[in-house]
């Protein structure tokens, strides 16, 4: 295939959307032509960002509507497809942020409007009974095991932090915690079996 001499002198062309629409005609051209030539890539980007076909369709519509109504596209700054993809990305990120803000607002209001359920007298009695059984079981295990378990569960310390505070090796702390839990389980299981 021989090159046409006029092709060699021509500057390399930028990638353009397929179809009859060129970048200069995009601002004044037909919206249907613009949609036909650029709608596919805009929709695919919207779908990738929104992860919902319904939202991607709405976003694609809104992108072309905003493009048509605002008329801010400048052909000297780049191809129309690049402008539309940038507009799509920007509008998608705004929608995602608005959705997150709405969700946070709903969560805050739901905490105020629907407070946690008030326990029934039966639930309160069961919780108090369980707390009493745990207190008695803790009192029945050796003091060294009880100390490690109380520091872990009531103070929220890690086993390495407990070892540092008690000046014990980590292996000793782990052994005391394991033995204490095994003993507690046996004591609580026995107390449940008794009427």
C-alpha atoms as a PDB file:
ATOM      1  CA  UNK A   1       0.000   0.000   0.000  1.00  0.00           C
ATOM      2  CA  UNK A   2       1.578   3.274  -1.095  1.00  0.00           C
ATOM      3  CA  UNK A   3       1.326   6.351   1.027  1.00  0.00           C
ATOM      4  CA  UNK A   4      -0.281   9.387  -0.418  1.00  0.00           C
ATOM      5  CA  UNK A   5       2.227  12.290  -0.228  1.00  0.00           C
ATOM      6  CA  UNK A   6      -0.382  14.513   1.332  1.00  0.00           C
ATOM      7  CA  UNK A   7      -0.848  11.933   4.166  1.00  0.00           C
ATOM      8  CA  UNK A   8       2.824  12.124   5.128  1.00  0.00           C
ATOM      9  CA  UNK A   9       2.637  15.895   5.616  1.00  0.00           C
ATOM     10  CA  UNK A  10      -0.580  15.753   7.664  1.00  0.00           C
ATOM     11  CA  UNK A  11      -0.279  15.873  11.445  1.00  0.00           C
ATOM     12  CA  UNK A  12      -1.215  12.663  13.243  1.00  0.00           C
ATOM     13  CA  UNK A  13      -4.917  12.638  13.934  1.00  0.00           C
ATOM     14  CA  UNK A  14      -6.267  12.363  17.430  1.00  0.00           C
ATOM     15  CA  UNK A  15      -8.631   9.530  18.166  1.00  0.00           C
ATOM     16  CA  UNK A  16     -12.112  10.735  17.408  1.00  0.00           C
ATOM     17  CA  UNK A  17     -15.469   9.245  18.131  1.00  0.00           C
ATOM     18  CA  UNK A  18     -16.917   7.163  15.369  1.00  0.00           C
ATOM     19  CA  UNK A  19     -19.650   8.801  13.369  1.00  0.00           C
ATOM     20  CA  UNK A  20     -20.239  11.876  11.319  1.00  0.00           C
ATOM     21  CA  UNK A  21     -19.665  14.305  14.189  1.00  0.00           C
ATOM     22  CA  UNK A  22     -16.332  16.095  14.500  1.00  0.00           C
ATOM     23  CA  UNK A  23     -15.086  18.026  17.546  1.00  0.00           C
ATOM     24  CA  UNK A  24     -15.813  21.464  16.093  1.00  0.00           C
ATOM     25  CA  UNK A  25     -19.364  20.486  15.222  1.00  0.00           C
ATOM     26  CA  UNK A  26     -20.055  18.994  18.666  1.00  0.00           C
ATOM     27  CA  UNK A  27     -20.984  22.310  20.232  1.00  0.00           C
ATOM     28  CA  UNK A  28     -23.377  23.223  17.474  1.00  0.00           C
ATOM     29  CA  UNK A  29     -24.217  19.777  16.104  1.00  0.00           C
ATOM     30  CA  UNK A  30     -27.154  17.523  16.552  1.00  0.00           C
ATOM     31  CA  UNK A  31     -27.533  15.934  20.006  1.00  0.00           C
ATOM     32  CA  UNK A  32     -28.678  12.666  18.422  1.00  0.00           C
ATOM     33  CA  UNK A  33     -25.451  12.462  16.404  1.00  0.00           C
ATOM     34  CA  UNK A  34     -23.396  13.216  19.496  1.00  0.00           C
ATOM     35  CA  UNK A  35     -25.218  10.547  21.474  1.00  0.00           C
ATOM     36  CA  UNK A  36     -24.815   7.983  18.683  1.00  0.00           C
ATOM     37  CA  UNK A  37     -21.082   8.573  18.449  1.00  0.00           C
ATOM     38  CA  UNK A  38     -20.224   8.954  22.168  1.00  0.00           C
ATOM     39  CA  UNK A  39     -23.097   7.343  24.082  1.00  0.00           C
ATOM     40  CA  UNK A  40     -21.508   3.894  24.305  1.00  0.00           C
ATOM     41  CA  UNK A  41     -18.248   4.937  26.008  1.00  0.00           C
ATOM     42  CA  UNK A  42     -20.091   7.343  28.321  1.00  0.00           C
ATOM     43  CA  UNK A  43     -22.529   4.615  29.388  1.00  0.00           C
ATOM     44  CA  UNK A  44     -19.747   2.066  29.950  1.00  0.00           C
ATOM     45  CA  UNK A  45     -17.848   4.481  32.200  1.00  0.00           C
ATOM     46  CA  UNK A  46     -21.037   5.368  34.067  1.00  0.00           C
ATOM     47  CA  UNK A  47     -21.804   1.675  34.577  1.00  0.00           C
ATOM     48  CA  UNK A  48     -18.307   0.993  35.848  1.00  0.00           C
ATOM     49  CA  UNK A  49     -18.493   3.852  38.354  1.00  0.00           C
ATOM     50  CA  UNK A  50     -22.130   3.496  39.476  1.00  0.00           C
ATOM     51  CA  UNK A  51     -22.317  -0.326  39.357  1.00  0.00           C
ATOM     52  CA  UNK A  52     -26.010  -0.182  38.512  1.00  0.00           C
ATOM     53  CA  UNK A  53     -27.571  -0.215  35.054  1.00  0.00           C
ATOM     54  CA  UNK A  54     -30.411   2.057  36.166  1.00  0.00           C
ATOM     55  CA  UNK A  55     -28.055   4.652  37.654  1.00  0.00           C
ATOM     56  CA  UNK A  56     -25.725   4.395  34.641  1.00  0.00           C
ATOM     57  CA  UNK A  57     -28.625   5.094  32.287  1.00  0.00           C
ATOM     58  CA  UNK A  58     -29.718   8.089  34.371  1.00  0.00           C
ATOM     59  CA  UNK A  59     -26.174   9.407  34.575  1.00  0.00           C
ATOM     60  CA  UNK A  60     -25.633   9.028  30.819  1.00  0.00           C
ATOM     61  CA  UNK A  61     -28.827  10.985  30.190  1.00  0.00           C
ATOM     62  CA  UNK A  62     -27.785  13.683  32.660  1.00  0.00           C
ATOM     63  CA  UNK A  63     -24.300  13.982  31.138  1.00  0.00           C
ATOM     64  CA  UNK A  64     -25.658  14.635  27.653  1.00  0.00           C
ATOM     65  CA  UNK A  65     -28.312  16.964  29.019  1.00  0.00           C
ATOM     66  CA  UNK A  66     -25.751  18.997  30.947  1.00  0.00           C
ATOM     67  CA  UNK A  67     -23.448  19.074  27.921  1.00  0.00           C
ATOM     68  CA  UNK A  68     -26.275  20.369  25.755  1.00  0.00           C
ATOM     69  CA  UNK A  69     -27.614  22.921  28.251  1.00  0.00           C
ATOM     70  CA  UNK A  70     -24.334  24.391  29.506  1.00  0.00           C
ATOM     71  CA  UNK A  71     -22.424  24.658  26.246  1.00  0.00           C
ATOM     72  CA  UNK A  72     -19.031  24.785  28.016  1.00  0.00           C
ATOM     73  CA  UNK A  73     -17.194  22.469  25.632  1.00  0.00           C
ATOM     74  CA  UNK A  74     -14.169  24.067  23.953  1.00  0.00           C
ATOM     75  CA  UNK A  75     -12.940  22.065  20.915  1.00  0.00           C
ATOM     76  CA  UNK A  76      -9.469  23.632  21.215  1.00  0.00           C
ATOM     77  CA  UNK A  77      -8.933  21.884  24.570  1.00  0.00           C
ATOM     78  CA  UNK A  78      -9.492  18.341  23.306  1.00  0.00           C
ATOM     79  CA  UNK A  79     -11.865  15.864  21.711  1.00  0.00           C
ATOM     80  CA  UNK A  80     -15.520  15.880  22.648  1.00  0.00           C
ATOM     81  CA  UNK A  81     -15.344  12.280  23.875  1.00  0.00           C
ATOM     82  CA  UNK A  82     -12.638  13.160  26.401  1.00  0.00           C
ATOM     83  CA  UNK A  83     -14.763  16.052  27.645  1.00  0.00           C
ATOM     84  CA  UNK A  84     -17.839  13.831  27.983  1.00  0.00           C
ATOM     85  CA  UNK A  85     -15.894  11.123  29.829  1.00  0.00           C
ATOM     86  CA  UNK A  86     -14.464  13.682  32.238  1.00  0.00           C
ATOM     87  CA  UNK A  87     -17.955  15.086  32.802  1.00  0.00           C
ATOM     88  CA  UNK A  88     -19.272  11.550  33.380  1.00  0.00           C
ATOM     89  CA  UNK A  89     -16.591  10.792  35.945  1.00  0.00           C
ATOM     90  CA  UNK A  90     -17.159  14.039  37.785  1.00  0.00           C
ATOM     91  CA  UNK A  91     -20.931  13.635  37.913  1.00  0.00           C
ATOM     92  CA  UNK A  92     -20.633   9.965  38.987  1.00  0.00           C
ATOM     93  CA  UNK A  93     -18.304  10.823  41.856  1.00  0.00           C
ATOM     94  CA  UNK A  94     -20.694  13.577  42.971  1.00  0.00           C
ATOM     95  CA  UNK A  95     -23.592  11.097  42.973  1.00  0.00           C
ATOM     96  CA  UNK A  96     -21.621   8.529  44.954  1.00  0.00           C
ATOM     97  CA  UNK A  97     -20.656  11.163  47.542  1.00  0.00           C
ATOM     98  CA  UNK A  98     -24.249  12.396  47.808  1.00  0.00           C
ATOM     99  CA  UNK A  99     -25.466   8.823  48.290  1.00  0.00           C
ATOM    100  CA  UNK A 100     -22.941   8.297  51.115  1.00  0.00           C
ATOM    101  CA  UNK A 101     -23.967  11.580  52.762  1.00  0.00           C
ATOM    102  CA  UNK A 102     -27.658  10.643  52.556  1.00  0.00           C
ATOM    103  CA  UNK A 103     -26.934   7.255  54.122  1.00  0.00           C
ATOM    104  CA  UNK A 104     -25.050   8.867  57.016  1.00  0.00           C
ATOM    105  CA  UNK A 105     -27.916  11.295  57.565  1.00  0.00           C
ATOM    106  CA  UNK A 106     -30.440   8.447  57.603  1.00  0.00           C
ATOM    107  CA  UNK A 107     -28.303   6.555  60.112  1.00  0.00           C
ATOM    108  CA  UNK A 108     -28.061   9.568  62.429  1.00  0.00           C
ATOM    109  CA  UNK A 109     -31.780  10.270  62.313  1.00  0.00           C
ATOM    110  CA  UNK A 110     -32.742   6.626  62.738  1.00  0.00           C
ATOM    111  CA  UNK A 111     -30.745   6.520  65.982  1.00  0.00           C
ATOM    112  CA  UNK A 112     -32.748   9.492  67.277  1.00  0.00           C
ATOM    113  CA  UNK A 113     -36.139   8.419  65.965  1.00  0.00           C
ATOM    114  CA  UNK A 114     -35.908   4.737  66.814  1.00  0.00           C
ATOM    115  CA  UNK A 115     -33.968   4.311  70.050  1.00  0.00           C
ATOM    116  CA  UNK A 116     -32.860   0.849  71.085  1.00  0.00           C
ATOM    117  CA  UNK A 117     -35.672  -1.333  72.323  1.00  0.00           C
ATOM    118  CA  UNK A 118     -36.316  -1.205  76.048  1.00  0.00           C
ATOM    119  CA  UNK A 119     -35.728  -4.657  77.523  1.00  0.00           C
ATOM    120  CA  UNK A 120     -38.706  -6.456  78.974  1.00  0.00           C
ATOM    121  CA  UNK A 121     -38.689  -7.415  82.673  1.00  0.00           C
ATOM    122  CA  UNK A 122     -38.071 -11.023  81.627  1.00  0.00           C
ATOM    123  CA  UNK A 123     -35.020 -10.014  79.528  1.00  0.00           C
ATOM    124  CA  UNK A 124     -33.679  -7.923  82.408  1.00  0.00           C
ATOM    125  CA  UNK A 125     -34.093 -10.808  84.853  1.00  0.00           C
ATOM    126  CA  UNK A 126     -32.279 -13.206  82.485  1.00  0.00           C
ATOM    127  CA  UNK A 127     -29.407 -10.762  81.980  1.00  0.00           C
ATOM    128  CA  UNK A 128     -29.082 -10.200  85.727  1.00  0.00           C
ATOM    129  CA  UNK A 129     -29.114 -13.967  86.347  1.00  0.00           C
ATOM    130  CA  UNK A 130     -26.375 -14.511  83.751  1.00  0.00           C
ATOM    131  CA  UNK A 131     -24.278 -11.679  85.216  1.00  0.00           C
ATOM    132  CA  UNK A 132     -24.552 -13.241  88.667  1.00  0.00           C
ATOM    133  CA  UNK A 133     -23.501 -16.670  87.354  1.00  0.00           C
ATOM    134  CA  UNK A 134     -20.471 -15.142  85.590  1.00  0.00           C
ATOM    135  CA  UNK A 135     -19.461 -13.245  88.762  1.00  0.00           C
ATOM    136  CA  UNK A 136     -19.666 -16.446  90.854  1.00  0.00           C
ATOM    137  CA  UNK A 137     -17.744 -18.451  88.237  1.00  0.00           C
ATOM    138  CA  UNK A 138     -15.024 -15.780  88.109  1.00  0.00           C
ATOM    139  CA  UNK A 139     -14.751 -15.868  91.891  1.00  0.00           C
ATOM    140  CA  UNK A 140     -14.282 -19.663  91.771  1.00  0.00           C
ATOM    141  CA  UNK A 141     -11.255 -19.705  89.418  1.00  0.00           C
ATOM    142  CA  UNK A 142      -7.671 -19.086  90.605  1.00  0.00           C
ATOM    143  CA  UNK A 143      -6.735 -15.418  91.134  1.00  0.00           C
ATOM    144  CA  UNK A 144      -3.945 -15.448  88.500  1.00  0.00           C
ATOM    145  CA  UNK A 145      -6.354 -16.672  85.805  1.00  0.00           C
ATOM    146  CA  UNK A 146      -9.097 -14.265  86.939  1.00  0.00           C
ATOM    147  CA  UNK A 147      -6.690 -11.310  86.813  1.00  0.00           C
ATOM    148  CA  UNK A 148      -5.663 -12.058  83.207  1.00  0.00           C
ATOM    149  CA  UNK A 149      -9.277 -12.551  82.082  1.00  0.00           C
ATOM    150  CA  UNK A 150     -10.505  -9.378  83.790  1.00  0.00           C
ATOM    151  CA  UNK A 151      -7.724  -7.313  82.208  1.00  0.00           C
ATOM    152  CA  UNK A 152      -8.495  -8.771  78.789  1.00  0.00           C
ATOM    153  CA  UNK A 153     -12.293  -8.498  78.862  1.00  0.00           C
ATOM    154  CA  UNK A 154     -13.060  -5.597  81.172  1.00  0.00           C
ATOM    155  CA  UNK A 155     -10.101  -3.362  80.346  1.00  0.00           C
ATOM    156  CA  UNK A 156      -9.764  -4.446  76.700  1.00  0.00           C
ATOM    157  CA  UNK A 157      -6.031  -5.110  76.898  1.00  0.00           C
ATOM    158  CA  UNK A 158      -4.198  -7.424  74.520  1.00  0.00           C
ATOM    159  CA  UNK A 159      -2.305 -10.397  75.866  1.00  0.00           C
ATOM    160  CA  UNK A 160       1.039  -8.735  75.130  1.00  0.00           C
ATOM    161  CA  UNK A 161      -0.073  -5.596  77.027  1.00  0.00           C
ATOM    162  CA  UNK A 162      -1.172  -7.744  79.971  1.00  0.00           C
ATOM    163  CA  UNK A 163       2.215  -9.481  79.953  1.00  0.00           C
ATOM    164  CA  UNK A 164       3.991  -6.127  79.988  1.00  0.00           C
ATOM    165  CA  UNK A 165       1.864  -4.795  82.852  1.00  0.00           C
ATOM    166  CA  UNK A 166       2.176  -7.951  84.975  1.00  0.00           C
ATOM    167  CA  UNK A 167       5.808  -8.493  83.935  1.00  0.00           C
ATOM    168  CA  UNK A 168       5.012 -12.010  82.731  1.00  0.00           C
ATOM    169  CA  UNK A 169       6.119 -13.826  79.566  1.00  0.00           C
ATOM    170  CA  UNK A 170       3.529 -13.834  76.792  1.00  0.00           C
ATOM    171  CA  UNK A 171       3.285 -17.642  76.902  1.00  0.00           C
ATOM    172  CA  UNK A 172       2.330 -17.525  80.589  1.00  0.00           C
ATOM    173  CA  UNK A 173      -0.392 -14.944  79.933  1.00  0.00           C
ATOM    174  CA  UNK A 174      -1.798 -17.055  77.093  1.00  0.00           C
ATOM    175  CA  UNK A 175      -1.770 -20.191  79.237  1.00  0.00           C
ATOM    176  CA  UNK A 176      -3.531 -18.470  82.137  1.00  0.00           C
ATOM    177  CA  UNK A 177      -6.163 -17.020  79.805  1.00  0.00           C
ATOM    178  CA  UNK A 178      -6.808 -20.388  78.150  1.00  0.00           C
ATOM    179  CA  UNK A 179      -6.969 -22.299  81.427  1.00  0.00           C
ATOM    180  CA  UNK A 180      -9.227 -19.627  82.929  1.00  0.00           C
ATOM    181  CA  UNK A 181     -11.630 -19.782  79.972  1.00  0.00           C
ATOM    182  CA  UNK A 182     -11.763 -23.575  80.118  1.00  0.00           C
ATOM    183  CA  UNK A 183     -12.516 -23.447  83.866  1.00  0.00           C
ATOM    184  CA  UNK A 184     -15.156 -20.711  83.370  1.00  0.00           C
ATOM    185  CA  UNK A 185     -16.849 -22.731  80.659  1.00  0.00           C
ATOM    186  CA  UNK A 186     -17.049 -25.768  82.904  1.00  0.00           C
ATOM    187  CA  UNK A 187     -18.398 -23.733  85.835  1.00  0.00           C
ATOM    188  CA  UNK A 188     -21.004 -21.938  83.706  1.00  0.00           C
ATOM    189  CA  UNK A 189     -22.063 -25.187  82.052  1.00  0.00           C
ATOM    190  CA  UNK A 190     -22.512 -26.761  85.510  1.00  0.00           C
ATOM    191  CA  UNK A 191     -24.527 -23.777  86.777  1.00  0.00           C
ATOM    192  CA  UNK A 192     -26.849 -23.991  83.743  1.00  0.00           C
ATOM    193  CA  UNK A 193     -27.470 -27.679  84.415  1.00  0.00           C
ATOM    194  CA  UNK A 194     -28.576 -26.948  87.981  1.00  0.00           C
ATOM    195  CA  UNK A 195     -32.191 -25.782  88.387  1.00  0.00           C
END
